[in-house]
Protein backbone atom coordinates (compact mmCIF):
# COMPACT_ATOMS: atom_id res chain seq x y z
CA UNK A 1 10.75 2.42 -22.16
CA UNK A 2 7.84 -0.01 -21.76
CA UNK A 3 8.98 -1.78 -24.90
CA UNK A 4 12.36 -2.66 -23.43
CA UNK A 5 10.97 -4.04 -20.17
CA UNK A 6 8.36 -6.16 -21.96
CA UNK A 7 10.97 -7.74 -24.25
CA UNK A 8 13.28 -8.38 -21.30
CA UNK A 9 10.58 -10.23 -19.34
CA UNK A 10 9.42 -12.22 -22.35
CA UNK A 11 12.99 -13.36 -22.98
CA UNK A 12 13.40 -14.48 -19.37
CA UNK A 13 10.16 -16.49 -19.48
CA UNK A 14 11.78 -19.22 -21.61
CA UNK A 15 8.93 -19.45 -24.11
CA UNK A 16 10.55 -21.66 -26.75
CA UNK A 17 8.31 -24.68 -26.14
CA UNK A 18 5.39 -22.92 -24.46
CA UNK A 19 1.77 -23.82 -25.13
CA UNK A 20 -0.06 -21.42 -22.81
CA UNK A 21 1.29 -18.08 -21.55
CA UNK A 22 -0.47 -15.45 -19.42
CA UNK A 23 0.18 -11.72 -19.76
CA UNK A 24 -0.90 -10.57 -16.29
CA UNK A 25 -2.09 -6.97 -15.89
CA UNK A 26 -1.61 -6.78 -19.63
CA UNK A 27 -3.32 -3.47 -20.41
CA UNK A 28 -3.46 -2.88 -24.16
CA UNK A 29 -1.32 -5.94 -24.87
CA UNK A 30 2.17 -4.50 -25.34
CA UNK A 31 3.72 -7.31 -23.32
CA UNK A 32 1.48 -9.87 -24.99
CA UNK A 33 2.91 -8.71 -28.32
CA UNK A 34 6.45 -9.37 -27.04
CA UNK A 35 5.36 -12.80 -25.81
CA UNK A 36 3.79 -13.66 -29.15
CA UNK A 37 7.04 -12.77 -30.92
CA UNK A 38 8.87 -15.50 -28.97
CA UNK A 39 6.17 -18.12 -28.45
CA UNK A 40 5.64 -21.05 -30.87
CA UNK A 41 3.01 -20.82 -33.58
CA UNK A 42 0.72 -23.22 -31.71
CA UNK A 43 0.93 -21.39 -28.37
CA UNK A 44 -2.01 -19.54 -26.82
CA UNK A 45 -1.57 -16.23 -24.98
CA UNK A 46 -4.12 -14.82 -22.54
CA UNK A 47 -3.94 -11.12 -21.61
CA UNK A 48 -5.74 -10.38 -18.33
CA UNK A 49 -6.50 -6.90 -16.99
CA UNK A 50 -9.31 -4.89 -15.39
CA UNK A 51 -8.91 -1.91 -17.76
CA UNK A 52 -11.60 -2.54 -20.37
CA UNK A 53 -10.75 0.63 -22.30
CA UNK A 54 -7.12 -0.40 -22.73
CA UNK A 55 -8.17 -3.88 -23.79
CA UNK A 56 -10.45 -2.40 -26.44
CA UNK A 57 -7.41 -0.61 -27.85
CA UNK A 58 -5.48 -3.87 -27.80
CA UNK A 59 -8.22 -5.78 -29.59
CA UNK A 60 -8.08 -3.24 -32.42
CA UNK A 61 -4.30 -3.20 -32.76
CA UNK A 62 -3.35 -6.84 -32.07
CA UNK A 63 -5.02 -9.30 -34.38
CA UNK A 64 -2.90 -12.41 -33.75
CA UNK A 65 -5.36 -15.33 -33.45
CA UNK A 66 -3.23 -16.84 -30.67
CA UNK A 67 -4.19 -13.97 -28.34
CA UNK A 68 -7.34 -13.83 -26.21
CA UNK A 69 -8.49 -11.27 -23.66
CA UNK A 70 -9.89 -11.62 -20.13
CA UNK A 71 -11.25 -8.65 -18.20
CA UNK A 72 -10.66 -9.51 -14.55
CA UNK A 73 -8.46 -8.62 -11.55
CA UNK A 74 -5.06 -10.26 -11.30
CA UNK A 75 -6.08 -11.75 -7.96
CA UNK A 76 -8.80 -13.74 -9.76
CA UNK A 77 -6.44 -15.20 -12.35
CA UNK A 78 -7.12 -18.82 -11.38
CA UNK A 79 -10.87 -18.32 -11.90
CA UNK A 80 -10.30 -17.54 -15.57
CA UNK A 81 -7.24 -19.57 -16.55
CA UNK A 82 -7.55 -23.24 -15.79
CA UNK A 83 -3.95 -23.90 -16.81
CA UNK A 84 -1.56 -25.47 -16.87
CA UNK A 85 0.33 -22.37 -18.00
CA UNK A 86 3.95 -22.59 -19.06
CA UNK A 87 4.61 -19.01 -17.98
CA UNK A 88 2.98 -15.98 -16.38
CA UNK A 89 4.52 -12.59 -17.19
CA UNK A 90 3.67 -9.35 -15.36
CA UNK A 91 5.28 -6.15 -16.62
CA UNK A 92 5.39 -3.00 -14.48
CA UNK A 93 2.29 -3.66 -12.41
CA UNK A 94 2.71 -6.27 -9.67
CA UNK A 95 3.04 -3.68 -6.89
CA UNK A 96 -0.43 -2.35 -7.75
CA UNK A 97 -2.04 -5.68 -6.81
CA UNK A 98 -2.70 -7.70 -3.67
CA UNK A 99 0.68 -9.37 -4.07
CA UNK A 100 0.24 -12.45 -1.82
CA UNK A 101 -3.12 -13.22 -3.44
CA UNK A 102 -1.67 -12.84 -6.94
CA UNK A 103 1.30 -15.09 -6.15
CA UNK A 104 -1.07 -17.76 -4.84
CA UNK A 105 -3.20 -17.49 -7.99
CA UNK A 106 -0.12 -17.77 -10.21
CA UNK A 107 0.93 -20.95 -8.39
CA UNK A 108 -2.50 -22.44 -9.09
CA UNK A 109 -2.29 -21.92 -12.85
CA UNK A 110 1.38 -22.75 -13.52
CA UNK A 111 2.47 -26.21 -14.55
CA UNK A 112 5.30 -27.80 -12.57
CA UNK A 113 8.51 -25.92 -13.50
CA UNK A 114 6.42 -23.19 -15.15
CA UNK A 115 7.91 -19.71 -14.86
CA UNK A 116 6.59 -16.55 -13.25
CA UNK A 117 8.48 -13.47 -14.45
CA UNK A 118 7.80 -9.96 -13.18
CA UNK A 119 9.49 -6.65 -12.42
CA UNK A 120 9.16 -3.98 -9.75
CA UNK A 121 10.05 -0.33 -10.18
CA UNK A 122 13.20 0.58 -8.30
CA UNK A 123 11.45 3.09 -6.07
CA UNK A 124 8.94 0.48 -4.93
CA UNK A 125 11.60 -2.21 -4.50
CA UNK A 126 14.10 0.08 -2.81
CA UNK A 127 16.87 -0.62 -5.33
CA UNK A 128 19.03 1.58 -7.56
CA UNK A 129 21.21 0.42 -10.43
CA UNK A 130 24.76 1.87 -10.50
CA UNK A 131 23.95 3.56 -13.82
CA UNK A 132 21.25 5.61 -12.10
CA UNK A 133 23.66 6.70 -9.39
CA UNK A 134 26.10 7.85 -12.07
CA UNK A 135 23.61 10.17 -13.80
CA UNK A 136 23.96 13.84 -12.90
CA UNK A 137 21.36 14.75 -10.30
CA UNK A 138 18.44 16.76 -11.68
CA UNK A 139 14.75 17.02 -10.76
CA UNK A 140 12.89 13.97 -12.01
CA UNK A 141 9.64 14.34 -13.92
CA UNK A 142 7.84 12.70 -10.99
CA UNK A 143 9.27 15.27 -8.58
CA UNK A 144 8.27 18.15 -10.85
CA UNK A 145 4.76 16.69 -11.10
CA UNK A 146 4.44 16.64 -7.30
CA UNK A 147 5.74 20.20 -7.02
CA UNK A 148 3.31 21.58 -9.62
CA UNK A 149 0.39 19.60 -8.18
CA UNK A 150 1.13 21.09 -4.76
CA UNK A 151 1.60 24.62 -6.11
CA UNK A 152 -1.32 24.82 -8.54
CA UNK A 153 -3.80 22.16 -7.42
CA UNK A 154 -3.57 22.07 -3.63
CA UNK A 155 -1.97 18.63 -3.61
CA UNK A 156 -0.56 17.42 -0.30
CA UNK A 157 2.03 14.76 -1.11
CA UNK A 158 2.39 11.88 1.35
CA UNK A 159 5.33 12.05 3.75
CA UNK A 160 8.62 11.00 2.18
CA UNK A 161 9.80 7.67 3.57
CA UNK A 162 12.85 5.54 2.96
CA UNK A 163 10.79 2.37 3.41
CA UNK A 164 10.32 0.48 0.14
CA UNK A 165 6.80 -0.71 -0.68
CA UNK A 166 7.85 -4.09 -2.03
CA UNK A 167 11.51 -4.93 -1.28
CA UNK A 168 13.12 -8.19 -2.32
CA UNK A 169 12.92 -9.69 1.17
CA UNK A 170 9.15 -9.22 1.17
CA UNK A 171 8.87 -10.61 -2.35
CA UNK A 172 10.82 -13.72 -1.37
CA UNK A 173 8.59 -14.23 1.67
CA UNK A 174 5.42 -13.95 -0.42
CA UNK A 175 6.78 -16.28 -3.10
CA UNK A 176 7.71 -18.93 -0.53
CA UNK A 177 4.28 -18.68 1.10
CA UNK A 178 2.68 -19.26 -2.31
CA UNK A 179 4.83 -22.32 -2.97
CA UNK A 180 7.00 -20.67 -5.65
CA UNK A 181 10.79 -20.87 -5.77
CA UNK A 182 13.18 -18.20 -7.02
CA UNK A 183 15.25 -18.89 -10.14
CA UNK A 184 16.94 -15.50 -10.49
CA UNK A 185 16.79 -11.86 -9.42
CA UNK A 186 18.54 -8.91 -11.02
CA UNK A 187 18.58 -5.14 -10.70
CA UNK A 188 18.50 -3.70 -14.22
CA UNK A 189 18.75 -0.20 -15.67
CA UNK A 190 16.37 1.24 -18.24
CA UNK A 191 17.97 4.08 -20.22
CA UNK A 192 15.49 6.52 -21.73
CA UNK A 193 14.79 10.24 -22.13
CA UNK A 194 12.45 12.78 -20.57
CA UNK A 195 10.31 12.46 -23.69
CA UNK A 196 9.94 8.71 -23.14
CA UNK A 197 9.25 9.28 -19.44
CA UNK A 198 6.39 11.59 -20.41
CA UNK A 199 4.94 8.96 -22.72
CA UNK A 200 5.14 6.42 -19.89
CA UNK A 201 3.38 8.74 -17.43
CA UNK A 202 0.66 9.38 -20.01
CA UNK A 203 -0.53 5.77 -19.66
CA UNK A 204 -3.59 5.98 -17.36
CA UNK A 205 -2.41 3.36 -14.87
CA UNK A 206 0.94 5.15 -14.41
CA UNK A 207 -0.38 8.73 -14.45
CA UNK A 208 0.64 10.91 -11.49
CA UNK A 209 0.10 12.21 -8.91
CA UNK A 210 -1.93 9.80 -6.82
CA UNK A 211 -5.00 11.17 -5.11
CA UNK A 212 -8.32 12.65 -6.16
CA UNK A 213 -7.42 13.83 -9.66
CA UNK A 214 -9.08 13.11 -12.98
CA UNK A 215 -6.96 11.76 -15.81
CA UNK A 216 -7.35 15.10 -17.59
CA UNK A 217 -6.00 16.96 -14.55
CA UNK A 218 -3.05 14.60 -14.32
CA UNK A 219 -2.24 15.26 -17.96
CA UNK A 220 -2.41 19.03 -17.37
CA UNK A 221 0.05 18.65 -14.50
CA UNK A 222 2.28 16.40 -16.62
CA UNK A 223 2.37 18.95 -19.44
CA UNK A 224 3.36 21.72 -17.02
CA UNK A 225 6.08 19.56 -15.48
CA UNK A 226 7.39 18.44 -18.84
CA UNK A 227 7.66 22.06 -20.00
CA UNK A 228 10.32 22.54 -17.31
CA UNK A 229 12.53 19.79 -18.72
CA UNK A 230 14.68 19.23 -21.79
CA UNK A 231 13.04 16.46 -23.88
CA UNK A 232 16.26 14.71 -24.86
CA UNK A 233 17.71 14.67 -21.37
CA UNK A 234 18.88 11.12 -20.57
CA UNK A 235 17.21 9.37 -17.65
CA UNK A 236 17.83 6.03 -15.95
CA UNK A 237 15.16 3.95 -14.27
CA UNK A 238 16.02 1.03 -12.00
CA UNK A 239 14.06 -2.22 -11.97
CA UNK A 240 14.11 -5.31 -9.79
CA UNK A 241 13.47 -8.30 -12.08
CA UNK A 242 12.39 -11.59 -10.52
CA UNK A 243 12.15 -15.01 -12.17
CA UNK A 244 10.33 -17.62 -10.08
CA UNK A 245 8.80 -20.98 -10.84
CA UNK A 246 6.45 -23.59 -9.52
CA UNK A 247 8.61 -26.50 -8.28
CA UNK A 248 8.87 -29.47 -10.62
CA UNK A 249 7.21 -32.78 -9.94
CA UNK A 250 9.09 -35.18 -7.69
CA UNK A 251 10.19 -38.27 -9.66
């Protein structure tokens, strides 16, 4: 699941002639690996994240000399990358940041015409791909997690709202305020299985539910929820993909 989204974003970043690329909120470097596969041999890739433990895993598993690591918040990107960067890629994380501050920082490090490529989960963006609507309705793993957390752990889920956290209109407003222009937007579908969904929700930053739970408790809840599903059951996840850029220099 994560592998498909990372390759999709790397492809959209237009890395053929890149010299410096940033993997923003890069975790253990999965997206950096996809970037390295498309970037030229002389390119440099910087993976920035606050999760030191995940970066330690990445340092052990990714040994490409073109890759370096920065432990810092996304909002502080410009303090650690002087630029000019040809592209900044952020996979499955932008909604967890101070979005206006991150967009402003990205503008500071991009070269003119440099690309900023990111995605937003459909639930946060308020979008649904037609493929998702066509799948037979069944309880999602996230819904089962909330139910078990409420039943067994005293969890009080937040009120259900139809208001998206980061819809496209808001994204466009923030991009314009940061001085970035939109190249393309697309709602995509990620086809996977319950088994892959479980693997995704095992990643610490994506573990559920929110609230005052330890990672170990979240994994206990996940195991109980997963036991109520069929591992091979097909699932569809919607994504809003955005390609923006810093405007080119005026001749």
